[in-house]
Amino acid sequence: MPELPTGYEHDPNFSRGLAKVDLSEFGPVTHGKVRDICTLDDDRLIIATTDRVSAFDRIVGTIPGKGEVLNTLSAYWFEQTAGIIPNHVLAVPHPNVLIARRAETTLLVEVIVRRFMAKSSTSTSVYDNYIGKGRRTIYGIEFPDGLAANQELPMGTIITPTTKAEEGHDLELTDEAAEHLVGEETWATVKQAALDLFERGRGVYGASGLLFVDTKYEFGRDKDGKLMLIDEVHTPDSSRLWLAATYDERFQSGQNPETFDKELLRRWLKENGFTGEGDVPQIPDAVVRQMANAYKVPYQMLTGHELPPTDVSPDEIKRSIRAAL
């Protein structure tokens, strides 16, 4: 799991936004790419979503307001999809904080659902394997010749599972390999849930003027062994979202779609020589502002409201957590 770089407090890339939340007074703490997670007791977690942003398996900086968008959007989607599969949400005491049921175990498979062959530089993307490596059998799925970057897949929605790596890159899995890892019955349930979740997201985002391109789901089991949706759902970090109104014109002219996700940052980093190794280049203010706007737009289009300004100081977050507990 990538860590905050040593001396991040003095790094300009971390000078904008909430880089870390100290939850240690509540219990043992672990730190993910974006979230600081406290084990409150045997049943509950406190999950604080920071403004950290990762790319190429490195934490590269902070985007102000990003954590609030991710947590608020996830809370919205967890509520909207609770009828499809149970999830881990217990309470949302603060725009950056979720209190969740603790997963006793986490499935060893990340479930990626795709509708388009999005142009992407990640090693697990269909695009990189199809265009960059010239493969036609990817994730055990046969792809026809002649597909173009950002094209809607002719076979419709597909599931492309990967391993859930603690370190390094996730690895491509076939349907059979994923089933072997989690069991036949569990994999069948997870696949159906993922397709139903994706269709719900595609419909709701579509009605708001956004194309729901692809997304990632994570699943776990609670202490009673019940399957549940965990982590985040349908956010700009876990999903690709494109503006529907300009997609056709831009696709026909060979332009990238107008996008509202962190692919903007990945592209900038790659154009400036960073793909995970060496020092992270200093991210310009203009790119940070563009990223901050990209995270907020889906929420605004979905709800018709702007996110209210929020004080996200660690002390205020702690007060909210205390009140909720």
Foldseek 3Di string as FASTA:
>chain_A
DADDDPPNVPALQAPAWFDDFDPVVQADWDDDQFWIWHDNDQWKIKIFGTQFDDALQYGFHGFHPLLLLQQVVQVVLQVVQCVLFHAFFDDDLDSGITMGTDFPWWQQKKKKKFFWQADADDPQGPVCCCPVVVDQQFLNDGADPDDDHGGGGPVGMDIWMWGDDPDDDTGTHHLVRSCVRHNVVVSVSVVVSVVVSQVVLQVLLVVLQKGFGMFIWIWGAGPVRGIHTYDGPDALAGTKIFGNVCVVVCVVVVHHTHIQHCSLVNVVQVVVPDNPDDHGDRDDPVSSVVNNVSRQVSVCSNPVDGDDDDDPDSVVVVVSVVVVD
